[in-house]
């Protein structure tokens, strides 16, 4: 899409809407629609990465400085875009949800005056030592669940720097839906289905919460289970998501509310 260049030097608000179902896309400048095209075939996927700051992939830098960037999951209307353009507040980023504290930070960047020389990574504002520039870095979050802000500060040959950040939520793996079918005094069938469509994971079943010798079984799962001859009628279950994060053990069965873990005490 093209439109006459009537912008004066300084910061401006650009917005592009993309609606594949309606076969339309539009360009907005400072909250006002500057061009719109309809009746066009649009791809279902924009690709694994987006090139920003250049006119075409592989071309020279366009000399554009980005102050804020937001990508929405649906096409915004004219009123929404006008409100964004008029607001002085930055767009709040949505927090990506992960269950594994080990992350890979990708920093694809280029400088119009030369190469990026080094990068500093940060968690919640605490920056580490500078590292030689690469496109990928390992980064580990603290073990406690919660929302963390991760940032990367990039330096060019002249020592100029810029920082970018995003929010990440570290959460426990989402447990699958569990139901007991064909229950009797002798046992039951455990039916387990992932709660997130398309999610992969595994379950481990055991007679004790230490799961000694218990294999990991892929989900979804239907597993017959016999209650122990003595003791509570429960089966111990825990789950592991695709990245490998393991959730807590839980007791499932008619007597689950009456299960108590043994306490350890020093003998005198």
C-alpha atoms as a PDB file:
ATOM      1  CA  UNK A   1       0.000   0.000   0.000  1.00  0.00           C
ATOM      2  CA  UNK A   2       1.193   3.514  -0.791  1.00  0.00           C
ATOM      3  CA  UNK A   3       0.026   6.983   0.207  1.00  0.00           C
ATOM      4  CA  UNK A   4       1.378  10.524  -0.375  1.00  0.00           C
ATOM      5  CA  UNK A   5       4.080  11.504   2.127  1.00  0.00           C
ATOM      6  CA  UNK A   6       2.693  14.535   3.952  1.00  0.00           C
ATOM      7  CA  UNK A   7       4.347  13.869   7.307  1.00  0.00           C
ATOM      8  CA  UNK A   8       6.602  16.422   8.964  1.00  0.00           C
ATOM      9  CA  UNK A   9       9.779  15.292  10.768  1.00  0.00           C
ATOM     10  CA  UNK A  10       9.164  13.760  14.188  1.00  0.00           C
ATOM     11  CA  UNK A  11       7.360  10.812  15.726  1.00  0.00           C
ATOM     12  CA  UNK A  12       4.179   9.566  14.048  1.00  0.00           C
ATOM     13  CA  UNK A  13       1.681   6.787  14.649  1.00  0.00           C
ATOM     14  CA  UNK A  14       1.501   4.091  11.949  1.00  0.00           C
ATOM     15  CA  UNK A  15      -1.077   1.304  11.975  1.00  0.00           C
ATOM     16  CA  UNK A  16      -1.818  -1.486   9.499  1.00  0.00           C
ATOM     17  CA  UNK A  17      -4.916  -3.658   9.834  1.00  0.00           C
ATOM     18  CA  UNK A  18      -5.113  -7.087   8.238  1.00  0.00           C
ATOM     19  CA  UNK A  19      -8.330  -9.092   7.920  1.00  0.00           C
ATOM     20  CA  UNK A  20      -7.937 -12.250   5.860  1.00  0.00           C
ATOM     21  CA  UNK A  21     -11.594 -13.283   6.237  1.00  0.00           C
ATOM     22  CA  UNK A  22     -12.793  -9.942   4.793  1.00  0.00           C
ATOM     23  CA  UNK A  23      -9.902  -9.826   2.284  1.00  0.00           C
ATOM     24  CA  UNK A  24      -9.036  -6.286   3.317  1.00  0.00           C
ATOM     25  CA  UNK A  25      -6.143  -4.308   4.723  1.00  0.00           C
ATOM     26  CA  UNK A  26      -5.751  -0.636   5.592  1.00  0.00           C
ATOM     27  CA  UNK A  27      -3.019   1.869   6.450  1.00  0.00           C
ATOM     28  CA  UNK A  28      -3.538   4.544   9.113  1.00  0.00           C
ATOM     29  CA  UNK A  29      -1.311   7.577   9.704  1.00  0.00           C
ATOM     30  CA  UNK A  30      -1.659   9.375  13.035  1.00  0.00           C
ATOM     31  CA  UNK A  31      -5.046   7.744  13.621  1.00  0.00           C
ATOM     32  CA  UNK A  32      -6.548   8.596  10.213  1.00  0.00           C
ATOM     33  CA  UNK A  33      -7.087   6.016   7.478  1.00  0.00           C
ATOM     34  CA  UNK A  34      -4.764   6.898   4.597  1.00  0.00           C
ATOM     35  CA  UNK A  35      -5.380   3.938   2.274  1.00  0.00           C
ATOM     36  CA  UNK A  36      -7.465   0.781   2.133  1.00  0.00           C
ATOM     37  CA  UNK A  37      -7.485  -2.215  -0.196  1.00  0.00           C
ATOM     38  CA  UNK A  38     -10.232  -4.845  -0.371  1.00  0.00           C
ATOM     39  CA  UNK A  39     -10.851  -7.972  -2.401  1.00  0.00           C
ATOM     40  CA  UNK A  40      -7.259  -9.209  -2.043  1.00  0.00           C
ATOM     41  CA  UNK A  41      -5.973 -12.638  -1.063  1.00  0.00           C
ATOM     42  CA  UNK A  42      -3.987 -12.431   2.162  1.00  0.00           C
ATOM     43  CA  UNK A  43      -1.734 -15.188   3.523  1.00  0.00           C
ATOM     44  CA  UNK A  44      -2.805 -17.192   6.554  1.00  0.00           C
ATOM     45  CA  UNK A  45       0.564 -16.700   8.267  1.00  0.00           C
ATOM     46  CA  UNK A  46       2.919 -13.716   8.181  1.00  0.00           C
ATOM     47  CA  UNK A  47       5.915 -15.957   8.842  1.00  0.00           C
ATOM     48  CA  UNK A  48       8.160 -16.826  11.755  1.00  0.00           C
ATOM     49  CA  UNK A  49       9.727 -13.342  11.983  1.00  0.00           C
ATOM     50  CA  UNK A  50       8.873  -9.751  11.026  1.00  0.00           C
ATOM     51  CA  UNK A  51      11.449  -7.382   9.539  1.00  0.00           C
ATOM     52  CA  UNK A  52      11.047  -3.893  11.028  1.00  0.00           C
ATOM     53  CA  UNK A  53      12.937  -0.776  10.005  1.00  0.00           C
ATOM     54  CA  UNK A  54      13.614  -1.710   6.378  1.00  0.00           C
ATOM     55  CA  UNK A  55      11.522  -1.365   3.231  1.00  0.00           C
ATOM     56  CA  UNK A  56      11.801  -5.030   2.252  1.00  0.00           C
ATOM     57  CA  UNK A  57      13.416  -8.143   3.758  1.00  0.00           C
ATOM     58  CA  UNK A  58      17.164  -8.006   3.110  1.00  0.00           C
ATOM     59  CA  UNK A  59      17.120  -4.340   2.053  1.00  0.00           C
ATOM     60  CA  UNK A  60      19.048  -1.525   3.702  1.00  0.00           C
ATOM     61  CA  UNK A  61      17.739   0.093   6.868  1.00  0.00           C
ATOM     62  CA  UNK A  62      14.943   2.600   6.266  1.00  0.00           C
ATOM     63  CA  UNK A  63      16.235   5.083   8.848  1.00  0.00           C
ATOM     64  CA  UNK A  64      13.096   4.702  10.993  1.00  0.00           C
ATOM     65  CA  UNK A  65      13.229   4.766  14.791  1.00  0.00           C
ATOM     66  CA  UNK A  66      10.593   2.750  16.678  1.00  0.00           C
ATOM     67  CA  UNK A  67       9.423   4.024  20.032  1.00  0.00           C
ATOM     68  CA  UNK A  68       6.610   1.523  20.620  1.00  0.00           C
ATOM     69  CA  UNK A  69       5.314  -1.573  18.837  1.00  0.00           C
ATOM     70  CA  UNK A  70       2.145  -3.618  19.390  1.00  0.00           C
ATOM     71  CA  UNK A  71       0.676  -6.559  17.466  1.00  0.00           C
ATOM     72  CA  UNK A  72      -2.965  -7.429  18.135  1.00  0.00           C
ATOM     73  CA  UNK A  73      -4.735 -10.735  17.611  1.00  0.00           C
ATOM     74  CA  UNK A  74      -7.577  -9.179  15.593  1.00  0.00           C
ATOM     75  CA  UNK A  75      -8.072  -6.284  13.180  1.00  0.00           C
ATOM     76  CA  UNK A  76      -8.808  -3.046  15.058  1.00  0.00           C
ATOM     77  CA  UNK A  77     -11.469  -0.615  13.852  1.00  0.00           C
ATOM     78  CA  UNK A  78     -10.994   3.086  13.004  1.00  0.00           C
ATOM     79  CA  UNK A  79     -12.140   4.246  16.464  1.00  0.00           C
ATOM     80  CA  UNK A  80      -9.700   1.919  18.238  1.00  0.00           C
ATOM     81  CA  UNK A  81      -6.781   3.075  16.101  1.00  0.00           C
ATOM     82  CA  UNK A  82      -7.678   6.754  16.565  1.00  0.00           C
ATOM     83  CA  UNK A  83      -7.722   6.222  20.336  1.00  0.00           C
ATOM     84  CA  UNK A  84      -4.312   4.538  20.270  1.00  0.00           C
ATOM     85  CA  UNK A  85      -2.839   7.344  18.159  1.00  0.00           C
ATOM     86  CA  UNK A  86      -4.186  10.039  20.493  1.00  0.00           C
ATOM     87  CA  UNK A  87      -2.993   8.366  23.694  1.00  0.00           C
ATOM     88  CA  UNK A  88       0.311   9.452  25.216  1.00  0.00           C
ATOM     89  CA  UNK A  89       0.594   6.265  27.277  1.00  0.00           C
ATOM     90  CA  UNK A  90       2.535   3.314  25.838  1.00  0.00           C
ATOM     91  CA  UNK A  91       0.609   0.212  24.849  1.00  0.00           C
ATOM     92  CA  UNK A  92       0.721  -2.351  27.656  1.00  0.00           C
ATOM     93  CA  UNK A  93       2.263  -5.595  26.520  1.00  0.00           C
ATOM     94  CA  UNK A  94       0.466  -8.860  27.112  1.00  0.00           C
ATOM     95  CA  UNK A  95       2.445 -11.368  29.149  1.00  0.00           C
ATOM     96  CA  UNK A  96       3.512 -14.543  27.408  1.00  0.00           C
ATOM     97  CA  UNK A  97       2.822 -17.616  29.549  1.00  0.00           C
ATOM     98  CA  UNK A  98       5.570 -20.180  30.048  1.00  0.00           C
ATOM     99  CA  UNK A  99       5.932 -23.143  32.382  1.00  0.00           C
ATOM    100  CA  UNK A 100       9.684 -23.628  31.995  1.00  0.00           C
ATOM    101  CA  UNK A 101      11.980 -20.998  33.592  1.00  0.00           C
ATOM    102  CA  UNK A 102      14.643 -21.687  30.946  1.00  0.00           C
ATOM    103  CA  UNK A 103      14.039 -19.259  28.070  1.00  0.00           C
ATOM    104  CA  UNK A 104      15.681 -18.464  24.752  1.00  0.00           C
ATOM    105  CA  UNK A 105      15.848 -14.719  24.043  1.00  0.00           C
ATOM    106  CA  UNK A 106      16.097 -13.824  20.354  1.00  0.00           C
ATOM    107  CA  UNK A 107      17.636 -10.436  19.522  1.00  0.00           C
ATOM    108  CA  UNK A 108      17.612 -10.008  15.749  1.00  0.00           C
ATOM    109  CA  UNK A 109      18.898  -6.438  15.343  1.00  0.00           C
ATOM    110  CA  UNK A 110      20.933  -4.220  13.003  1.00  0.00           C
ATOM    111  CA  UNK A 111      22.263  -0.677  13.269  1.00  0.00           C
ATOM    112  CA  UNK A 112      22.232   1.767  10.367  1.00  0.00           C
ATOM    113  CA  UNK A 113      25.760   2.929  11.284  1.00  0.00           C
ATOM    114  CA  UNK A 114      27.323  -0.483  11.779  1.00  0.00           C
ATOM    115  CA  UNK A 115      26.953  -3.755  13.586  1.00  0.00           C
ATOM    116  CA  UNK A 116      25.503  -4.414  17.024  1.00  0.00           C
ATOM    117  CA  UNK A 117      28.481  -5.165  19.260  1.00  0.00           C
ATOM    118  CA  UNK A 118      27.141  -6.345  22.628  1.00  0.00           C
ATOM    119  CA  UNK A 119      23.973  -7.122  24.562  1.00  0.00           C
ATOM    120  CA  UNK A 120      22.973  -7.001  28.212  1.00  0.00           C
ATOM    121  CA  UNK A 121      20.044  -9.118  29.421  1.00  0.00           C
ATOM    122  CA  UNK A 122      17.908  -8.271  32.442  1.00  0.00           C
ATOM    123  CA  UNK A 123      15.185  -9.787  34.596  1.00  0.00           C
ATOM    124  CA  UNK A 124      13.041  -7.259  36.473  1.00  0.00           C
ATOM    125  CA  UNK A 125      15.462  -4.420  35.772  1.00  0.00           C
ATOM    126  CA  UNK A 126      18.639  -6.170  36.960  1.00  0.00           C
ATOM    127  CA  UNK A 127      21.053  -6.269  33.994  1.00  0.00           C
ATOM    128  CA  UNK A 128      23.837  -8.785  33.638  1.00  0.00           C
ATOM    129  CA  UNK A 129      27.306  -8.256  32.188  1.00  0.00           C
ATOM    130  CA  UNK A 130      27.614  -7.317  28.484  1.00  0.00           C
ATOM    131  CA  UNK A 131      27.902 -10.276  26.106  1.00  0.00           C
ATOM    132  CA  UNK A 132      29.110 -10.373  22.487  1.00  0.00           C
ATOM    133  CA  UNK A 133      26.170  -9.931  20.129  1.00  0.00           C
ATOM    134  CA  UNK A 134      24.384 -13.092  19.016  1.00  0.00           C
ATOM    135  CA  UNK A 135      20.894 -13.660  17.744  1.00  0.00           C
ATOM    136  CA  UNK A 136      19.959 -16.040  20.590  1.00  0.00           C
ATOM    137  CA  UNK A 137      20.779 -16.160  24.297  1.00  0.00           C
ATOM    138  CA  UNK A 138      19.753 -18.549  27.078  1.00  0.00           C
ATOM    139  CA  UNK A 139      18.073 -16.863  30.041  1.00  0.00           C
ATOM    140  CA  UNK A 140      16.726 -18.443  33.220  1.00  0.00           C
ATOM    141  CA  UNK A 141      13.918 -16.948  35.275  1.00  0.00           C
ATOM    142  CA  UNK A 142      13.695 -17.365  39.054  1.00  0.00           C
ATOM    143  CA  UNK A 143      11.940 -20.563  40.100  1.00  0.00           C
ATOM    144  CA  UNK A 144       9.012 -18.771  41.779  1.00  0.00           C
ATOM    145  CA  UNK A 145       5.896 -18.418  39.616  1.00  0.00           C
ATOM    146  CA  UNK A 146       4.738 -14.912  38.720  1.00  0.00           C
ATOM    147  CA  UNK A 147       5.143 -12.126  36.161  1.00  0.00           C
ATOM    148  CA  UNK A 148       8.667 -11.096  35.151  1.00  0.00           C
ATOM    149  CA  UNK A 149       9.933  -8.336  32.877  1.00  0.00           C
ATOM    150  CA  UNK A 150      12.811  -9.447  30.666  1.00  0.00           C
ATOM    151  CA  UNK A 151      14.827  -6.876  28.742  1.00  0.00           C
ATOM    152  CA  UNK A 152      17.715  -6.668  26.299  1.00  0.00           C
ATOM    153  CA  UNK A 153      19.984  -3.625  25.993  1.00  0.00           C
ATOM    154  CA  UNK A 154      21.869  -3.478  22.680  1.00  0.00           C
ATOM    155  CA  UNK A 155      25.052  -1.468  22.038  1.00  0.00           C
ATOM    156  CA  UNK A 156      26.517  -0.352  18.685  1.00  0.00           C
ATOM    157  CA  UNK A 157      30.151   0.451  17.797  1.00  0.00           C
ATOM    158  CA  UNK A 158      29.813   4.034  19.030  1.00  0.00           C
ATOM    159  CA  UNK A 159      28.478   2.952  22.416  1.00  0.00           C
ATOM    160  CA  UNK A 160      24.922   4.043  21.707  1.00  0.00           C
ATOM    161  CA  UNK A 161      22.323   1.784  23.290  1.00  0.00           C
ATOM    162  CA  UNK A 162      18.642   0.974  23.163  1.00  0.00           C
ATOM    163  CA  UNK A 163      16.605  -1.338  25.375  1.00  0.00           C
ATOM    164  CA  UNK A 164      13.559  -3.458  24.591  1.00  0.00           C
ATOM    165  CA  UNK A 165      11.475  -5.401  27.086  1.00  0.00           C
ATOM    166  CA  UNK A 166       8.498  -7.718  27.387  1.00  0.00           C
ATOM    167  CA  UNK A 167       6.514  -9.383  30.176  1.00  0.00           C
ATOM    168  CA  UNK A 168       6.565 -13.126  30.806  1.00  0.00           C
ATOM    169  CA  UNK A 169       4.344 -15.072  33.203  1.00  0.00           C
ATOM    170  CA  UNK A 170       5.951 -18.160  34.729  1.00  0.00           C
ATOM    171  CA  UNK A 171       3.126 -20.520  35.702  1.00  0.00           C
ATOM    172  CA  UNK A 172       2.607 -24.094  36.741  1.00  0.00           C
ATOM    173  CA  UNK A 173       1.767 -26.452  33.859  1.00  0.00           C
ATOM    174  CA  UNK A 174      -1.982 -26.455  33.170  1.00  0.00           C
ATOM    175  CA  UNK A 175      -3.296 -29.769  34.518  1.00  0.00           C
ATOM    176  CA  UNK A 176      -5.553 -31.777  32.226  1.00  0.00           C
ATOM    177  CA  UNK A 177      -9.185 -32.439  32.974  1.00  0.00           C
ATOM    178  CA  UNK A 178      -9.499 -35.622  35.061  1.00  0.00           C
ATOM    179  CA  UNK A 179     -12.535 -37.807  35.594  1.00  0.00           C
ATOM    180  CA  UNK A 180     -13.097 -41.200  37.222  1.00  0.00           C
ATOM    181  CA  UNK A 181     -15.195 -43.587  35.161  1.00  0.00           C
ATOM    182  CA  UNK A 182     -16.504 -47.096  35.854  1.00  0.00           C
ATOM    183  CA  UNK A 183     -15.915 -46.640  39.575  1.00  0.00           C
ATOM    184  CA  UNK A 184     -16.308 -49.639  41.876  1.00  0.00           C
ATOM    185  CA  UNK A 185     -14.971 -50.892  45.188  1.00  0.00           C
ATOM    186  CA  UNK A 186     -12.118 -52.508  43.281  1.00  0.00           C
ATOM    187  CA  UNK A 187     -10.985 -49.644  41.047  1.00  0.00           C
ATOM    188  CA  UNK A 188     -11.845 -47.143  38.351  1.00  0.00           C
ATOM    189  CA  UNK A 189     -10.768 -45.851  34.950  1.00  0.00           C
ATOM    190  CA  UNK A 190      -8.906 -42.524  34.919  1.00  0.00           C
ATOM    191  CA  UNK A 191      -9.755 -40.355  31.891  1.00  0.00           C
ATOM    192  CA  UNK A 192      -7.388 -37.422  31.336  1.00  0.00           C
ATOM    193  CA  UNK A 193      -7.676 -34.822  28.570  1.00  0.00           C
ATOM    194  CA  UNK A 194      -5.484 -31.698  28.059  1.00  0.00           C
ATOM    195  CA  UNK A 195      -7.370 -28.510  28.936  1.00  0.00           C
ATOM    196  CA  UNK A 196      -5.534 -26.490  26.254  1.00  0.00           C
ATOM    197  CA  UNK A 197      -6.470 -27.604  22.715  1.00  0.00           C
ATOM    198  CA  UNK A 198      -3.431 -28.894  20.881  1.00  0.00           C
ATOM    199  CA  UNK A 199      -1.328 -29.014  24.051  1.00  0.00           C
ATOM    200  CA  UNK A 200       0.938 -32.006  24.528  1.00  0.00           C
ATOM    201  CA  UNK A 201       1.922 -33.555  27.803  1.00  0.00           C
ATOM    202  CA  UNK A 202       2.350 -36.679  29.862  1.00  0.00           C
ATOM    203  CA  UNK A 203       0.975 -38.108  33.088  1.00  0.00           C
ATOM    204  CA  UNK A 204       2.581 -40.262  35.739  1.00  0.00           C
ATOM    205  CA  UNK A 205       0.458 -42.536  37.962  1.00  0.00           C
ATOM    206  CA  UNK A 206       1.594 -44.185  41.164  1.00  0.00           C
ATOM    207  CA  UNK A 207       0.481 -45.791  44.395  1.00  0.00           C
ATOM    208  CA  UNK A 208       2.672 -43.343  46.334  1.00  0.00           C
ATOM    209  CA  UNK A 209       3.545 -39.654  45.754  1.00  0.00           C
ATOM    210  CA  UNK A 210       7.197 -40.485  44.994  1.00  0.00           C
ATOM    211  CA  UNK A 211       6.196 -42.297  41.739  1.00  0.00           C
ATOM    212  CA  UNK A 212       9.060 -44.785  42.028  1.00  0.00           C
ATOM    213  CA  UNK A 213       9.222 -46.846  38.811  1.00  0.00           C
ATOM    214  CA  UNK A 214       6.132 -45.170  37.307  1.00  0.00           C
ATOM    215  CA  UNK A 215       6.442 -44.456  33.552  1.00  0.00           C
ATOM    216  CA  UNK A 216       5.352 -41.228  31.861  1.00  0.00           C
ATOM    217  CA  UNK A 217       2.258 -41.853  29.706  1.00  0.00           C
ATOM    218  CA  UNK A 218       1.224 -39.563  26.807  1.00  0.00           C
ATOM    219  CA  UNK A 219      -2.024 -37.588  26.991  1.00  0.00           C
ATOM    220  CA  UNK A 220      -4.924 -37.966  26.340  1.00  0.00           C
ATOM    221  CA  UNK A 221      -5.109 -41.047  28.501  1.00  0.00           C
ATOM    222  CA  UNK A 222      -7.617 -43.662  29.678  1.00  0.00           C
ATOM    223  CA  UNK A 223      -6.036 -45.881  32.303  1.00  0.00           C
ATOM    224  CA  UNK A 224      -7.751 -48.621  34.379  1.00  0.00           C
ATOM    225  CA  UNK A 225      -6.590 -48.556  37.999  1.00  0.00           C
ATOM    226  CA  UNK A 226      -7.073 -50.947  40.945  1.00  0.00           C
ATOM    227  CA  UNK A 227      -7.382 -49.476  44.431  1.00  0.00           C
ATOM    228  CA  UNK A 228      -4.812 -50.773  46.940  1.00  0.00           C
ATOM    229  CA  UNK A 229      -5.867 -53.741  49.057  1.00  0.00           C
ATOM    230  CA  UNK A 230      -5.391 -51.623  52.185  1.00  0.00           C
ATOM    231  CA  UNK A 231      -5.297 -47.898  52.720  1.00  0.00           C
ATOM    232  CA  UNK A 232      -7.076 -45.012  50.979  1.00  0.00           C
ATOM    233  CA  UNK A 233      -8.679 -45.612  47.580  1.00  0.00           C
ATOM    234  CA  UNK A 234      -6.565 -43.101  45.647  1.00  0.00           C
ATOM    235  CA  UNK A 235      -4.099 -42.927  42.794  1.00  0.00           C
ATOM    236  CA  UNK A 236      -1.316 -40.354  42.846  1.00  0.00           C
ATOM    237  CA  UNK A 237      -1.029 -38.296  39.653  1.00  0.00           C
ATOM    238  CA  UNK A 238       1.339 -35.625  38.355  1.00  0.00           C
ATOM    239  CA  UNK A 239       1.759 -34.047  34.932  1.00  0.00           C
ATOM    240  CA  UNK A 240       4.604 -32.907  32.698  1.00  0.00           C
ATOM    241  CA  UNK A 241       4.109 -30.439  29.848  1.00  0.00           C
ATOM    242  CA  UNK A 242       5.922 -30.442  26.492  1.00  0.00           C
ATOM    243  CA  UNK A 243       8.859 -28.233  27.665  1.00  0.00           C
ATOM    244  CA  UNK A 244       9.406 -30.635  30.585  1.00  0.00           C
ATOM    245  CA  UNK A 245       7.953 -28.666  33.523  1.00  0.00           C
ATOM    246  CA  UNK A 246       6.519 -31.051  36.141  1.00  0.00           C
ATOM    247  CA  UNK A 247       3.477 -30.136  38.202  1.00  0.00           C
ATOM    248  CA  UNK A 248       2.785 -31.088  41.824  1.00  0.00           C
ATOM    249  CA  UNK A 249       1.545 -34.536  42.876  1.00  0.00           C
ATOM    250  CA  UNK A 250      -2.141 -34.853  43.663  1.00  0.00           C
ATOM    251  CA  UNK A 251      -4.335 -37.652  44.974  1.00  0.00           C
ATOM    252  CA  UNK A 252      -7.339 -38.712  42.863  1.00  0.00           C
ATOM    253  CA  UNK A 253     -10.018 -41.087  44.128  1.00  0.00           C
ATOM    254  CA  UNK A 254     -12.971 -41.527  46.497  1.00  0.00           C
ATOM    255  CA  UNK A 255     -10.750 -41.101  49.569  1.00  0.00           C
ATOM    256  CA  UNK A 256      -8.620 -38.229  48.217  1.00  0.00           C
ATOM    257  CA  UNK A 257      -9.879 -35.754  50.837  1.00  0.00           C
ATOM    258  CA  UNK A 258      -8.799 -38.072  53.640  1.00  0.00           C
ATOM    259  CA  UNK A 259      -5.209 -38.654  52.511  1.00  0.00           C
ATOM    260  CA  UNK A 260      -2.472 -37.364  54.804  1.00  0.00           C
ATOM    261  CA  UNK A 261       1.202 -37.385  53.901  1.00  0.00           C
ATOM    262  CA  UNK A 262       3.434 -38.932  56.585  1.00  0.00           C
ATOM    263  CA  UNK A 263       5.384 -36.565  58.808  1.00  0.00           C
ATOM    264  CA  UNK A 264       9.068 -37.111  59.556  1.00  0.00           C
ATOM    265  CA  UNK A 265      10.485 -36.411  63.035  1.00  0.00           C
ATOM    266  CA  UNK A 266      13.904 -36.785  64.566  1.00  0.00           C
ATOM    267  CA  UNK A 267      14.155 -39.781  66.890  1.00  0.00           C
ATOM    268  CA  UNK A 268      15.714 -39.049  70.266  1.00  0.00           C
END
